[in-house]
Amino acid sequence: MFTKLGIYSILIGFFVGVFGGISKFMKVDNLWADLTISKFTGEHSDTIVGFIPVGFIQEGLSYLIYELPFAGAIFGLSLIFFMIGAFLKEQ
């Protein structure tokens, strides 16, 4: 199950990355051009980053939410799913 989720995440990340790359190449200002997690969370992004008062964790979360492209986040999620799928026995 986790392996299937990993494959689906890779496909989603690939398509989001391709559409984002095409938008940046054409210099079109739309949703795909600069899609990050902060676009989805909106005004709650600061609450998420400020939830843990440790400095290096806040810096890491700030990078993940505000700067990392969404396709990169999806690829990272797919790696996590693949790792879980590799070590769990399927029923």
N, C-alpha and C. Protein backbone atom coordinates (compact mmCIF):
# COMPACT_ATOMS: atom_id res chain seq x y z
N MET A 1 0.82 -1.19 0.00
CA MET A 1 0.00 0.00 0.00
C MET A 1 0.87 1.26 0.00
N PHE A 2 1.90 1.29 0.86
CA PHE A 2 2.76 2.46 0.92
C PHE A 2 3.58 2.61 -0.36
N THR A 3 3.90 1.48 -0.98
CA THR A 3 4.64 1.54 -2.24
C THR A 3 3.77 2.17 -3.33
N LYS A 4 2.49 1.81 -3.36
CA LYS A 4 1.57 2.43 -4.32
C LYS A 4 1.43 3.93 -4.06
N LEU A 5 1.36 4.31 -2.79
CA LEU A 5 1.29 5.73 -2.46
C LEU A 5 2.56 6.45 -2.90
N GLY A 6 3.70 5.78 -2.78
CA GLY A 6 4.96 6.35 -3.23
C GLY A 6 4.97 6.56 -4.74
N ILE A 7 4.46 5.59 -5.49
CA ILE A 7 4.40 5.72 -6.94
C ILE A 7 3.45 6.84 -7.34
N TYR A 8 2.29 6.90 -6.71
CA TYR A 8 1.35 7.98 -7.01
C TYR A 8 1.93 9.34 -6.66
N SER A 9 2.67 9.42 -5.56
CA SER A 9 3.30 10.69 -5.16
C SER A 9 4.35 11.11 -6.17
N ILE A 10 5.12 10.16 -6.69
CA ILE A 10 6.12 10.49 -7.71
C ILE A 10 5.43 11.03 -8.96
N LEU A 11 4.34 10.39 -9.38
CA LEU A 11 3.62 10.86 -10.56
C LEU A 11 3.04 12.26 -10.35
N ILE A 12 2.46 12.50 -9.20
CA ILE A 12 1.91 13.83 -8.90
C ILE A 12 3.02 14.86 -8.86
N GLY A 13 4.12 14.53 -8.20
CA GLY A 13 5.25 15.45 -8.14
C GLY A 13 5.83 15.74 -9.50
N PHE A 14 5.88 14.72 -10.36
CA PHE A 14 6.39 14.92 -11.72
C PHE A 14 5.50 15.88 -12.50
N PHE A 15 4.19 15.68 -12.46
CA PHE A 15 3.29 16.55 -13.21
C PHE A 15 3.28 17.97 -12.65
N VAL A 16 3.31 18.12 -11.34
CA VAL A 16 3.37 19.46 -10.75
C VAL A 16 4.68 20.14 -11.14
N GLY A 17 5.78 19.39 -11.11
CA GLY A 17 7.07 19.95 -11.51
C GLY A 17 7.11 20.35 -12.98
N VAL A 18 6.53 19.52 -13.84
CA VAL A 18 6.50 19.84 -15.27
C VAL A 18 5.66 21.08 -15.53
N PHE A 19 4.47 21.15 -14.95
CA PHE A 19 3.62 22.33 -15.16
C PHE A 19 4.25 23.59 -14.58
N GLY A 20 4.91 23.46 -13.42
CA GLY A 20 5.62 24.60 -12.84
C GLY A 20 6.78 25.05 -13.70
N GLY A 21 7.52 24.08 -14.26
CA GLY A 21 8.64 24.42 -15.14
C GLY A 21 8.17 25.09 -16.42
N ILE A 22 7.08 24.61 -17.00
CA ILE A 22 6.53 25.24 -18.20
C ILE A 22 6.08 26.66 -17.90
N SER A 23 5.43 26.85 -16.76
CA SER A 23 4.96 28.19 -16.39
C SER A 23 6.13 29.15 -16.18
N LYS A 24 7.19 28.68 -15.53
CA LYS A 24 8.35 29.55 -15.33
C LYS A 24 9.06 29.83 -16.65
N PHE A 25 9.14 28.84 -17.53
CA PHE A 25 9.79 29.01 -18.82
C PHE A 25 9.04 30.03 -19.67
N MET A 26 7.72 29.98 -19.62
CA MET A 26 6.90 30.90 -20.42
C MET A 26 6.71 32.24 -19.72
N LYS A 27 7.23 32.37 -18.49
CA LYS A 27 7.10 33.59 -17.68
C LYS A 27 5.64 33.98 -17.47
N VAL A 28 4.82 32.98 -17.18
CA VAL A 28 3.41 33.17 -16.91
C VAL A 28 3.22 33.16 -15.40
N ASP A 29 2.55 34.16 -14.87
CA ASP A 29 2.32 34.25 -13.43
C ASP A 29 0.99 33.58 -13.11
N ASN A 30 1.04 32.30 -12.78
CA ASN A 30 -0.16 31.58 -12.39
C ASN A 30 0.14 30.74 -11.16
N LEU A 31 -0.79 29.89 -10.81
CA LEU A 31 -0.66 29.07 -9.60
C LEU A 31 0.55 28.14 -9.66
N TRP A 32 0.86 27.58 -10.82
CA TRP A 32 1.91 26.59 -10.94
C TRP A 32 3.31 27.20 -10.87
N ALA A 33 3.44 28.48 -11.19
CA ALA A 33 4.77 29.10 -11.32
C ALA A 33 5.55 29.10 -10.00
N ASP A 34 4.91 29.43 -8.92
CA ASP A 34 5.60 29.49 -7.63
C ASP A 34 4.80 28.79 -6.53
N LEU A 35 4.40 27.57 -6.81
CA LEU A 35 3.58 26.80 -5.88
C LEU A 35 4.44 26.27 -4.74
N THR A 36 4.06 26.64 -3.51
CA THR A 36 4.70 26.16 -2.29
C THR A 36 3.61 25.71 -1.32
N ILE A 37 4.03 25.13 -0.21
CA ILE A 37 3.06 24.69 0.80
C ILE A 37 2.34 25.88 1.41
N SER A 38 2.99 27.04 1.49
CA SER A 38 2.36 28.21 2.08
C SER A 38 1.17 28.70 1.26
N LYS A 39 1.12 28.36 -0.03
CA LYS A 39 -0.04 28.72 -0.85
C LYS A 39 -1.27 27.93 -0.40
N PHE A 40 -1.07 26.71 0.10
CA PHE A 40 -2.18 25.89 0.56
C PHE A 40 -2.60 26.25 1.98
N THR A 41 -1.63 26.51 2.85
CA THR A 41 -1.96 26.78 4.25
C THR A 41 -2.37 28.23 4.48
N GLY A 42 -1.98 29.13 3.60
CA GLY A 42 -2.41 30.53 3.68
C GLY A 42 -1.88 31.23 4.91
N GLU A 43 -2.78 31.84 5.65
CA GLU A 43 -2.38 32.65 6.80
C GLU A 43 -1.95 31.80 7.99
N HIS A 44 -2.18 30.50 7.94
CA HIS A 44 -1.80 29.62 9.05
C HIS A 44 -0.34 29.19 8.97
N SER A 45 0.38 29.61 7.95
CA SER A 45 1.79 29.22 7.79
C SER A 45 2.64 29.72 8.96
N ASP A 46 2.42 30.94 9.40
CA ASP A 46 3.18 31.47 10.53
C ASP A 46 2.90 30.70 11.81
N THR A 47 1.66 30.25 11.98
CA THR A 47 1.30 29.46 13.16
C THR A 47 2.02 28.12 13.16
N ILE A 48 2.12 27.52 11.99
CA ILE A 48 2.79 26.22 11.88
C ILE A 48 4.28 26.37 12.19
N VAL A 49 4.91 27.41 11.64
CA VAL A 49 6.35 27.62 11.86
C VAL A 49 6.62 27.99 13.32
N GLY A 50 5.78 28.81 13.91
CA GLY A 50 5.99 29.26 15.28
C GLY A 50 5.52 28.29 16.34
N PHE A 51 4.98 27.13 15.96
CA PHE A 51 4.44 26.18 16.93
C PHE A 51 5.52 25.59 17.81
N ILE A 52 6.69 25.31 17.25
CA ILE A 52 7.81 24.75 18.02
C ILE A 52 8.82 25.87 18.24
N PRO A 53 9.13 26.20 19.49
CA PRO A 53 9.98 27.37 19.75
C PRO A 53 11.49 27.13 19.62
N VAL A 54 11.90 26.06 18.98
CA VAL A 54 13.33 25.77 18.81
C VAL A 54 13.78 26.39 17.49
N GLY A 55 14.90 27.13 17.50
CA GLY A 55 15.34 27.92 16.36
C GLY A 55 15.62 27.14 15.10
N PHE A 56 16.43 26.06 15.22
CA PHE A 56 16.80 25.33 14.00
C PHE A 56 15.61 24.59 13.40
N ILE A 57 14.64 24.19 14.22
CA ILE A 57 13.44 23.55 13.69
C ILE A 57 12.58 24.58 12.97
N GLN A 58 12.51 25.80 13.53
CA GLN A 58 11.76 26.86 12.86
C GLN A 58 12.38 27.23 11.52
N GLU A 59 13.70 27.25 11.44
CA GLU A 59 14.36 27.55 10.17
C GLU A 59 14.08 26.46 9.14
N GLY A 60 14.11 25.21 9.56
CA GLY A 60 13.81 24.10 8.66
C GLY A 60 12.37 24.12 8.17
N LEU A 61 11.44 24.36 9.10
CA LEU A 61 10.04 24.45 8.72
C LEU A 61 9.78 25.65 7.82
N SER A 62 10.45 26.75 8.09
CA SER A 62 10.31 27.94 7.25
C SER A 62 10.75 27.64 5.83
N TYR A 63 11.86 26.93 5.68
CA TYR A 63 12.32 26.56 4.34
C TYR A 63 11.31 25.63 3.65
N LEU A 64 10.82 24.62 4.39
CA LEU A 64 9.88 23.67 3.80
C LEU A 64 8.58 24.34 3.38
N ILE A 65 8.10 25.29 4.16
CA ILE A 65 6.79 25.88 3.88
C ILE A 65 6.87 27.02 2.88
N TYR A 66 7.88 27.88 2.99
CA TYR A 66 7.91 29.09 2.17
C TYR A 66 8.78 29.00 0.92
N GLU A 67 9.83 28.20 0.91
CA GLU A 67 10.78 28.25 -0.19
C GLU A 67 10.81 26.98 -1.05
N LEU A 68 10.61 25.82 -0.48
CA LEU A 68 10.70 24.57 -1.23
C LEU A 68 9.53 24.47 -2.20
N PRO A 69 9.81 24.23 -3.49
CA PRO A 69 8.70 24.05 -4.43
C PRO A 69 7.85 22.84 -4.04
N PHE A 70 6.59 22.92 -4.37
CA PHE A 70 5.66 21.86 -3.97
C PHE A 70 6.03 20.52 -4.59
N ALA A 71 6.56 20.53 -5.79
CA ALA A 71 6.98 19.27 -6.42
C ALA A 71 8.09 18.61 -5.60
N GLY A 72 9.00 19.39 -5.04
CA GLY A 72 10.06 18.85 -4.19
C GLY A 72 9.50 18.23 -2.92
N ALA A 73 8.48 18.86 -2.35
CA ALA A 73 7.84 18.32 -1.15
C ALA A 73 7.15 17.00 -1.45
N ILE A 74 6.51 16.92 -2.61
CA ILE A 74 5.84 15.68 -3.00
C ILE A 74 6.86 14.57 -3.26
N PHE A 75 8.00 14.90 -3.90
CA PHE A 75 9.04 13.89 -4.11
C PHE A 75 9.60 13.40 -2.77
N GLY A 76 9.77 14.29 -1.81
CA GLY A 76 10.23 13.89 -0.49
C GLY A 76 9.23 12.98 0.20
N LEU A 77 7.95 13.29 0.05
CA LEU A 77 6.91 12.45 0.61
C LEU A 77 6.91 11.07 -0.03
N SER A 78 7.16 11.02 -1.33
CA SER A 78 7.20 9.72 -2.00
C SER A 78 8.38 8.89 -1.50
N LEU A 79 9.51 9.52 -1.22
CA LEU A 79 10.64 8.77 -0.65
C LEU A 79 10.30 8.20 0.72
N ILE A 80 9.59 8.96 1.52
CA ILE A 80 9.16 8.46 2.83
C ILE A 80 8.24 7.26 2.67
N PHE A 81 7.29 7.35 1.73
CA PHE A 81 6.39 6.22 1.49
C PHE A 81 7.15 4.99 1.01
N PHE A 82 8.14 5.18 0.13
CA PHE A 82 8.93 4.05 -0.34
C PHE A 82 9.73 3.41 0.80
N MET A 83 10.28 4.21 1.69
CA MET A 83 11.03 3.67 2.81
C MET A 83 10.12 2.90 3.75
N ILE A 84 8.94 3.42 4.03
CA ILE A 84 7.99 2.70 4.89
C ILE A 84 7.56 1.41 4.22
N GLY A 85 7.29 1.48 2.91
CA GLY A 85 6.87 0.28 2.17
C GLY A 85 7.96 -0.77 2.11
N ALA A 86 9.22 -0.36 2.14
CA ALA A 86 10.32 -1.32 2.06
C ALA A 86 10.48 -2.11 3.36
N PHE A 87 10.13 -1.50 4.50
CA PHE A 87 10.36 -2.15 5.78
C PHE A 87 9.12 -2.75 6.41
N LEU A 88 7.95 -2.43 5.90
CA LEU A 88 6.73 -3.02 6.46
C LEU A 88 6.31 -4.22 5.63
N LYS A 89 5.86 -5.23 6.30
CA LYS A 89 5.38 -6.42 5.62
C LYS A 89 3.93 -6.18 5.22
N GLU A 90 3.62 -6.40 3.95
CA GLU A 90 2.25 -6.21 3.49
C GLU A 90 1.43 -7.42 3.84
N GLN A 91 0.19 -7.19 4.17
CA GLN A 91 -0.71 -8.25 4.62
C GLN A 91 -1.52 -8.78 3.47
